[in-house]
C-alpha cells in the first residue's frame, strides 16, 4: 500500500515538474505594437480631426475622458482587437474597442457617459509623423 502511495506521489510530482509553462502575453499587447508618434484621429460623424501624441497606444482607450486616474477593466484582449471598459469617478464611464489594421492604422468605437451626457463615437486613427 505504501509502495502505491509513493508511486502516485512521484507521478504527481513528475507531472508538475515536466508540465511546460504557458507563457502569458502582456496585457493589451496589440496596443504596444502600434508605432509611437503623432496620430490623427478622425471621428466619422463629427467630420473633424484631432491629433494625439501616442506613446503606448493606450491613449486611444479614453478618447472622451482625457483625465488620468480612471479605473480600467480589460474585457477583450486579442491579437488584433482590444476592448476596455473604464470608469472615471465623478465624470462618467466608457467602453472602447480598438481594432488594429496595422502598426499605423486603427479603428475605434467608444460609447459611454461623460459629464452626464451619453456619447457614441466611431472613427479611425492613422500615424502621421513624430510628436
N, C-alpha and C. Protein backbone atom coordinates (compact mmCIF):
# COMPACT_ATOMS: atom_id res chain seq x y z
N UNK A 1 0.82 -1.18 0.00
CA UNK A 1 0.00 0.00 0.00
C UNK A 1 0.88 1.25 0.00
N UNK A 2 1.95 1.21 0.84
CA UNK A 2 2.85 2.36 0.87
C UNK A 2 3.54 2.53 -0.47
N UNK A 3 3.86 1.44 -1.11
CA UNK A 3 4.52 1.50 -2.41
C UNK A 3 3.63 2.18 -3.44
N UNK A 4 2.34 1.90 -3.43
CA UNK A 4 1.39 2.51 -4.37
C UNK A 4 1.29 4.01 -4.09
N UNK A 5 1.20 4.39 -2.83
CA UNK A 5 1.11 5.81 -2.46
C UNK A 5 2.36 6.56 -2.91
N UNK A 6 3.54 5.97 -2.70
CA UNK A 6 4.78 6.62 -3.13
C UNK A 6 4.82 6.77 -4.65
N UNK A 7 4.34 5.76 -5.36
CA UNK A 7 4.32 5.81 -6.82
C UNK A 7 3.39 6.92 -7.31
N UNK A 8 2.21 7.04 -6.68
CA UNK A 8 1.27 8.09 -7.06
C UNK A 8 1.84 9.48 -6.79
N UNK A 9 2.47 9.66 -5.65
CA UNK A 9 3.07 10.95 -5.31
C UNK A 9 4.19 11.27 -6.28
N UNK A 10 5.04 10.30 -6.59
CA UNK A 10 6.14 10.53 -7.54
C UNK A 10 5.60 10.89 -8.91
N UNK A 11 4.51 10.23 -9.32
CA UNK A 11 3.90 10.55 -10.62
C UNK A 11 3.34 11.96 -10.65
N UNK A 12 2.71 12.38 -9.55
CA UNK A 12 2.16 13.74 -9.48
C UNK A 12 3.27 14.78 -9.52
N UNK A 13 4.35 14.53 -8.79
CA UNK A 13 5.49 15.45 -8.79
C UNK A 13 6.10 15.54 -10.19
N UNK A 14 6.24 14.41 -10.86
CA UNK A 14 6.80 14.40 -12.21
C UNK A 14 5.90 15.17 -13.17
N UNK A 15 4.59 15.01 -13.05
CA UNK A 15 3.66 15.72 -13.93
C UNK A 15 3.78 17.22 -13.74
N UNK A 16 3.89 17.66 -12.49
CA UNK A 16 4.03 19.09 -12.22
C UNK A 16 5.38 19.59 -12.69
N UNK A 17 6.42 18.81 -12.46
CA UNK A 17 7.76 19.22 -12.82
C UNK A 17 7.94 19.32 -14.33
N UNK A 18 7.36 18.41 -15.09
CA UNK A 18 7.60 18.37 -16.52
C UNK A 18 6.49 19.00 -17.36
N UNK A 19 5.50 19.59 -16.74
CA UNK A 19 4.45 20.28 -17.48
C UNK A 19 5.02 21.60 -17.97
N UNK A 20 4.98 21.85 -19.27
CA UNK A 20 5.55 23.10 -19.78
C UNK A 20 4.75 24.30 -19.29
N UNK A 21 5.46 25.35 -18.96
CA UNK A 21 4.81 26.58 -18.52
C UNK A 21 4.24 27.30 -19.73
N UNK A 22 3.02 27.80 -19.59
CA UNK A 22 2.39 28.55 -20.66
C UNK A 22 2.79 30.01 -20.51
N UNK A 23 3.40 30.56 -21.53
CA UNK A 23 3.83 31.96 -21.47
C UNK A 23 2.61 32.86 -21.62
N UNK A 24 2.49 33.84 -20.76
CA UNK A 24 1.38 34.77 -20.80
C UNK A 24 1.82 36.01 -21.59
N UNK A 25 0.99 36.41 -22.54
CA UNK A 25 1.28 37.63 -23.29
C UNK A 25 0.98 38.83 -22.41
N UNK A 26 1.70 39.92 -22.60
CA UNK A 26 1.42 41.11 -21.82
C UNK A 26 0.01 41.62 -22.14
N UNK A 27 -0.65 42.15 -21.14
CA UNK A 27 -1.99 42.67 -21.33
C UNK A 27 -1.98 43.81 -22.35
N UNK A 28 -2.94 43.80 -23.26
CA UNK A 28 -3.09 44.82 -24.30
C UNK A 28 -1.86 44.92 -25.21
N UNK A 29 -1.27 43.79 -25.51
CA UNK A 29 -0.06 43.76 -26.33
C UNK A 29 -0.29 44.35 -27.72
N UNK A 30 -1.52 44.25 -28.24
CA UNK A 30 -1.80 44.83 -29.55
C UNK A 30 -1.51 46.32 -29.56
N UNK A 31 -1.84 47.01 -28.48
CA UNK A 31 -1.58 48.45 -28.41
C UNK A 31 -0.09 48.74 -28.37
N UNK A 32 0.67 47.86 -27.74
CA UNK A 32 2.12 48.03 -27.67
C UNK A 32 2.78 47.93 -29.05
N UNK A 33 2.14 47.25 -30.00
CA UNK A 33 2.71 47.10 -31.34
C UNK A 33 2.47 48.32 -32.22
N UNK A 34 1.65 49.27 -31.77
CA UNK A 34 1.41 50.47 -32.57
C UNK A 34 2.64 51.36 -32.56
N UNK A 35 2.90 52.02 -33.68
CA UNK A 35 4.05 52.91 -33.80
C UNK A 35 3.83 54.17 -32.96
N UNK A 36 4.76 54.51 -32.09
CA UNK A 36 4.64 55.76 -31.35
C UNK A 36 4.75 56.95 -32.30
N UNK A 37 4.18 58.07 -31.89
CA UNK A 37 4.28 59.28 -32.69
C UNK A 37 2.98 60.04 -32.71
N UNK A 38 2.87 60.94 -33.66
CA UNK A 38 1.67 61.75 -33.82
C UNK A 38 0.65 60.98 -34.66
N UNK A 39 -0.56 60.88 -34.15
CA UNK A 39 -1.64 60.20 -34.84
C UNK A 39 -2.77 61.18 -35.07
N UNK A 40 -3.44 61.07 -36.21
CA UNK A 40 -4.61 61.89 -36.49
C UNK A 40 -5.84 61.02 -36.29
N UNK A 41 -6.71 61.47 -35.40
CA UNK A 41 -7.96 60.77 -35.10
C UNK A 41 -9.09 61.46 -35.84
N UNK A 42 -9.80 60.72 -36.68
CA UNK A 42 -10.94 61.26 -37.41
C UNK A 42 -12.20 60.57 -36.92
N UNK A 43 -13.10 61.35 -36.30
CA UNK A 43 -14.39 60.83 -35.84
C UNK A 43 -15.36 60.97 -37.01
N UNK A 44 -15.96 59.88 -37.43
CA UNK A 44 -16.77 59.87 -38.66
C UNK A 44 -17.97 60.84 -38.61
N UNK A 45 -18.78 60.81 -37.58
CA UNK A 45 -19.99 61.63 -37.52
C UNK A 45 -19.71 63.11 -37.29
N UNK A 46 -18.56 63.44 -36.79
CA UNK A 46 -18.26 64.83 -36.44
C UNK A 46 -17.52 65.58 -37.54
N UNK A 47 -17.05 64.87 -38.54
CA UNK A 47 -16.34 65.50 -39.65
C UNK A 47 -15.23 66.44 -39.17
N UNK A 48 -14.48 65.98 -38.19
CA UNK A 48 -13.34 66.76 -37.70
C UNK A 48 -12.23 65.79 -37.31
N UNK A 49 -11.05 66.34 -37.18
CA UNK A 49 -9.90 65.52 -36.78
C UNK A 49 -9.23 66.16 -35.58
N UNK A 50 -8.50 65.34 -34.86
CA UNK A 50 -7.67 65.84 -33.76
C UNK A 50 -6.37 65.05 -33.77
N UNK A 51 -5.34 65.64 -33.20
CA UNK A 51 -4.03 64.98 -33.13
C UNK A 51 -3.81 64.45 -31.72
N UNK A 52 -3.23 63.26 -31.66
CA UNK A 52 -2.91 62.62 -30.38
C UNK A 52 -1.46 62.17 -30.46
N UNK A 53 -0.68 62.51 -29.44
CA UNK A 53 0.69 62.02 -29.35
C UNK A 53 0.64 60.66 -28.64
N UNK A 54 0.96 59.62 -29.38
CA UNK A 54 0.84 58.24 -28.88
C UNK A 54 2.21 57.74 -28.44
N UNK A 55 2.26 57.27 -27.20
CA UNK A 55 3.48 56.64 -26.69
C UNK A 55 3.28 55.14 -26.54
N UNK A 56 2.07 54.74 -26.08
CA UNK A 56 1.83 53.33 -25.77
C UNK A 56 0.63 52.74 -26.51
N UNK A 57 -0.16 53.55 -27.16
CA UNK A 57 -1.40 53.07 -27.78
C UNK A 57 -2.58 53.13 -26.84
N UNK A 58 -2.32 53.19 -25.54
CA UNK A 58 -3.40 53.25 -24.56
C UNK A 58 -4.10 54.61 -24.56
N UNK A 59 -3.50 55.58 -25.24
CA UNK A 59 -4.11 56.91 -25.35
C UNK A 59 -5.45 56.85 -26.08
N UNK A 60 -5.68 55.80 -26.87
CA UNK A 60 -6.94 55.66 -27.61
C UNK A 60 -8.09 55.13 -26.76
N UNK A 61 -7.80 54.59 -25.59
CA UNK A 61 -8.85 53.97 -24.78
C UNK A 61 -9.86 54.99 -24.29
N UNK A 62 -9.41 56.12 -23.82
CA UNK A 62 -10.30 57.12 -23.23
C UNK A 62 -10.34 58.38 -24.09
N UNK A 63 -10.87 58.28 -25.30
CA UNK A 63 -10.86 59.44 -26.19
C UNK A 63 -11.87 60.50 -25.77
N UNK A 64 -12.84 60.17 -24.95
CA UNK A 64 -13.80 61.16 -24.44
C UNK A 64 -13.56 61.51 -22.97
N UNK A 65 -12.65 60.82 -22.33
CA UNK A 65 -12.29 61.09 -20.93
C UNK A 65 -10.77 61.20 -20.86
N UNK A 66 -10.25 62.37 -21.01
CA UNK A 66 -8.80 62.54 -21.07
C UNK A 66 -8.10 62.55 -19.71
N UNK A 67 -8.86 62.60 -18.61
CA UNK A 67 -8.21 62.71 -17.31
C UNK A 67 -7.56 61.39 -16.89
N UNK A 68 -6.57 61.51 -16.05
CA UNK A 68 -5.87 60.34 -15.50
C UNK A 68 -6.66 59.82 -14.30
N UNK A 69 -6.33 58.62 -13.89
CA UNK A 69 -6.91 58.06 -12.67
C UNK A 69 -8.21 57.31 -12.85
N UNK A 70 -8.62 57.06 -14.08
CA UNK A 70 -9.84 56.27 -14.31
C UNK A 70 -9.50 54.79 -14.13
N UNK A 71 -10.45 54.05 -13.59
CA UNK A 71 -10.27 52.61 -13.42
C UNK A 71 -10.59 51.92 -14.74
N UNK A 72 -9.73 50.99 -15.15
CA UNK A 72 -9.93 50.28 -16.41
C UNK A 72 -10.04 48.79 -16.17
N UNK A 73 -10.90 48.15 -16.96
CA UNK A 73 -11.08 46.70 -16.92
C UNK A 73 -11.01 46.18 -18.35
N UNK A 74 -10.10 45.25 -18.60
CA UNK A 74 -9.93 44.69 -19.93
C UNK A 74 -11.00 43.63 -20.16
N UNK A 75 -11.86 43.86 -21.16
CA UNK A 75 -12.95 42.95 -21.49
C UNK A 75 -12.49 41.92 -22.53
N UNK A 76 -11.76 42.38 -23.53
CA UNK A 76 -11.28 41.53 -24.62
C UNK A 76 -9.84 41.92 -24.94
N UNK A 77 -9.00 40.94 -25.12
CA UNK A 77 -7.58 41.21 -25.39
C UNK A 77 -7.08 40.20 -26.42
N UNK A 78 -7.41 40.46 -27.69
CA UNK A 78 -7.00 39.56 -28.76
C UNK A 78 -5.80 40.14 -29.51
N UNK A 79 -5.28 39.39 -30.43
CA UNK A 79 -4.11 39.83 -31.18
C UNK A 79 -4.35 41.13 -31.95
N UNK A 80 -5.52 41.29 -32.55
CA UNK A 80 -5.79 42.47 -33.37
C UNK A 80 -6.93 43.35 -32.87
N UNK A 81 -7.48 43.04 -31.70
CA UNK A 81 -8.58 43.84 -31.18
C UNK A 81 -8.61 43.78 -29.66
N UNK A 82 -8.83 44.94 -29.05
CA UNK A 82 -8.97 45.00 -27.60
C UNK A 82 -10.23 45.79 -27.26
N UNK A 83 -10.84 45.43 -26.14
CA UNK A 83 -11.98 46.17 -25.61
C UNK A 83 -11.71 46.44 -24.15
N UNK A 84 -11.85 47.71 -23.75
CA UNK A 84 -11.61 48.12 -22.38
C UNK A 84 -12.80 48.93 -21.89
N UNK A 85 -13.27 48.57 -20.71
CA UNK A 85 -14.32 49.35 -20.06
C UNK A 85 -13.66 50.15 -18.95
N UNK A 86 -14.07 51.40 -18.78
CA UNK A 86 -13.43 52.24 -17.78
C UNK A 86 -14.46 53.10 -17.06
N UNK A 87 -14.10 53.51 -15.85
CA UNK A 87 -14.94 54.38 -15.04
C UNK A 87 -14.08 55.52 -14.53
N UNK A 88 -14.57 56.74 -14.74
CA UNK A 88 -13.90 57.95 -14.26
C UNK A 88 -14.81 58.54 -13.18
N UNK A 89 -14.51 58.28 -11.94
CA UNK A 89 -15.38 58.70 -10.84
C UNK A 89 -15.72 60.18 -10.95
N UNK A 90 -17.01 60.46 -10.90
CA UNK A 90 -17.49 61.83 -10.95
C UNK A 90 -17.61 62.40 -12.36
N UNK A 91 -17.18 61.64 -13.38
CA UNK A 91 -17.26 62.16 -14.75
C UNK A 91 -17.80 61.15 -15.75
N UNK A 92 -18.20 59.97 -15.30
CA UNK A 92 -18.81 59.01 -16.21
C UNK A 92 -17.97 57.78 -16.46
N UNK A 93 -18.27 57.14 -17.58
CA UNK A 93 -17.63 55.87 -17.91
C UNK A 93 -17.68 55.66 -19.42
N UNK A 94 -16.97 54.64 -19.88
CA UNK A 94 -16.98 54.32 -21.30
C UNK A 94 -16.53 52.90 -21.56
N UNK A 95 -16.76 52.49 -22.78
CA UNK A 95 -16.31 51.18 -23.26
C UNK A 95 -15.78 51.40 -24.66
N UNK A 96 -14.51 51.06 -24.87
CA UNK A 96 -13.84 51.33 -26.14
C UNK A 96 -13.30 50.04 -26.74
N UNK A 97 -13.54 49.87 -28.03
CA UNK A 97 -12.97 48.76 -28.79
C UNK A 97 -12.03 49.35 -29.83
N UNK A 98 -10.81 48.83 -29.87
CA UNK A 98 -9.79 49.29 -30.81
C UNK A 98 -9.37 48.08 -31.64
N UNK A 99 -9.50 48.22 -32.96
CA UNK A 99 -9.12 47.14 -33.87
C UNK A 99 -7.94 47.61 -34.72
N UNK A 100 -6.87 46.84 -34.69
CA UNK A 100 -5.66 47.19 -35.44
C UNK A 100 -5.77 46.71 -36.88
N UNK A 101 -5.40 47.60 -37.80
CA UNK A 101 -5.29 47.24 -39.21
C UNK A 101 -3.83 47.36 -39.65
N UNK A 102 -2.94 47.37 -38.68
CA UNK A 102 -1.51 47.51 -38.93
C UNK A 102 -0.92 48.36 -37.83
N UNK A 103 0.37 48.58 -37.88
CA UNK A 103 1.04 49.32 -36.81
C UNK A 103 0.80 50.83 -36.90
N UNK A 104 0.14 51.29 -38.00
CA UNK A 104 -0.08 52.73 -38.17
C UNK A 104 -1.53 53.08 -38.49
N UNK A 105 -2.48 52.14 -38.27
CA UNK A 105 -3.89 52.41 -38.53
C UNK A 105 -4.75 51.58 -37.59
N UNK A 106 -5.69 52.24 -36.90
CA UNK A 106 -6.63 51.54 -36.02
C UNK A 106 -8.04 52.08 -36.24
N UNK A 107 -9.02 51.23 -35.99
CA UNK A 107 -10.43 51.60 -35.99
C UNK A 107 -10.87 51.65 -34.53
N UNK A 108 -11.64 52.68 -34.17
CA UNK A 108 -12.02 52.90 -32.77
C UNK A 108 -13.53 53.07 -32.67
N UNK A 109 -14.13 52.36 -31.71
CA UNK A 109 -15.53 52.55 -31.33
C UNK A 109 -15.56 52.78 -29.83
N UNK A 110 -16.25 53.82 -29.41
CA UNK A 110 -16.32 54.11 -27.99
C UNK A 110 -17.71 54.67 -27.66
N UNK A 111 -18.24 54.25 -26.54
CA UNK A 111 -19.53 54.79 -26.08
C UNK A 111 -19.55 54.81 -24.58
N UNK A 112 -20.39 55.69 -24.05
CA UNK A 112 -20.50 55.79 -22.60
C UNK A 112 -21.21 57.06 -22.19
N UNK A 113 -20.86 57.55 -21.01
CA UNK A 113 -21.44 58.76 -20.43
C UNK A 113 -20.28 59.66 -20.01
N UNK A 114 -20.34 60.93 -20.42
CA UNK A 114 -19.35 61.92 -19.99
C UNK A 114 -20.11 63.13 -19.46
N UNK A 115 -19.82 63.50 -18.21
CA UNK A 115 -20.47 64.66 -17.58
C UNK A 115 -21.99 64.58 -17.68
N UNK A 116 -22.53 63.37 -17.50
CA UNK A 116 -23.97 63.18 -17.52
C UNK A 116 -24.60 63.08 -18.90
N UNK A 117 -23.81 63.16 -19.96
CA UNK A 117 -24.33 63.12 -21.32
C UNK A 117 -23.80 61.88 -22.05
N UNK A 118 -24.69 61.13 -22.70
CA UNK A 118 -24.21 59.95 -23.44
C UNK A 118 -23.41 60.34 -24.67
N UNK A 119 -22.47 59.48 -25.03
CA UNK A 119 -21.71 59.66 -26.27
C UNK A 119 -21.54 58.32 -26.96
N UNK A 120 -21.39 58.38 -28.26
CA UNK A 120 -21.09 57.20 -29.07
C UNK A 120 -20.29 57.70 -30.27
N UNK A 121 -19.07 57.22 -30.40
CA UNK A 121 -18.20 57.67 -31.49
C UNK A 121 -17.60 56.47 -32.22
N UNK A 122 -17.42 56.67 -33.52
CA UNK A 122 -16.69 55.72 -34.34
C UNK A 122 -15.71 56.51 -35.19
N UNK A 123 -14.51 56.00 -35.31
CA UNK A 123 -13.53 56.70 -36.11
C UNK A 123 -12.32 55.85 -36.39
N UNK A 124 -11.34 56.49 -36.98
CA UNK A 124 -10.09 55.81 -37.24
C UNK A 124 -8.95 56.75 -36.91
N UNK A 125 -7.82 56.14 -36.57
CA UNK A 125 -6.63 56.91 -36.27
C UNK A 125 -5.49 56.38 -37.13
N UNK A 126 -4.73 57.32 -37.70
CA UNK A 126 -3.57 56.99 -38.54
C UNK A 126 -2.34 57.72 -38.01
N UNK A 127 -1.23 57.03 -38.04
CA UNK A 127 0.02 57.67 -37.66
C UNK A 127 0.42 58.64 -38.75
N UNK A 128 0.79 59.85 -38.36
CA UNK A 128 1.11 60.88 -39.34
C UNK A 128 2.51 61.46 -39.18
N UNK A 129 3.26 61.01 -38.20
CA UNK A 129 4.62 61.53 -38.02
C UNK A 129 5.05 61.44 -36.57
N UNK A 130 6.05 62.22 -36.23
CA UNK A 130 6.56 62.25 -34.86
C UNK A 130 5.81 63.27 -34.01
N UNK A 131 5.95 63.15 -32.73
CA UNK A 131 5.31 64.10 -31.80
C UNK A 131 6.14 65.36 -31.67
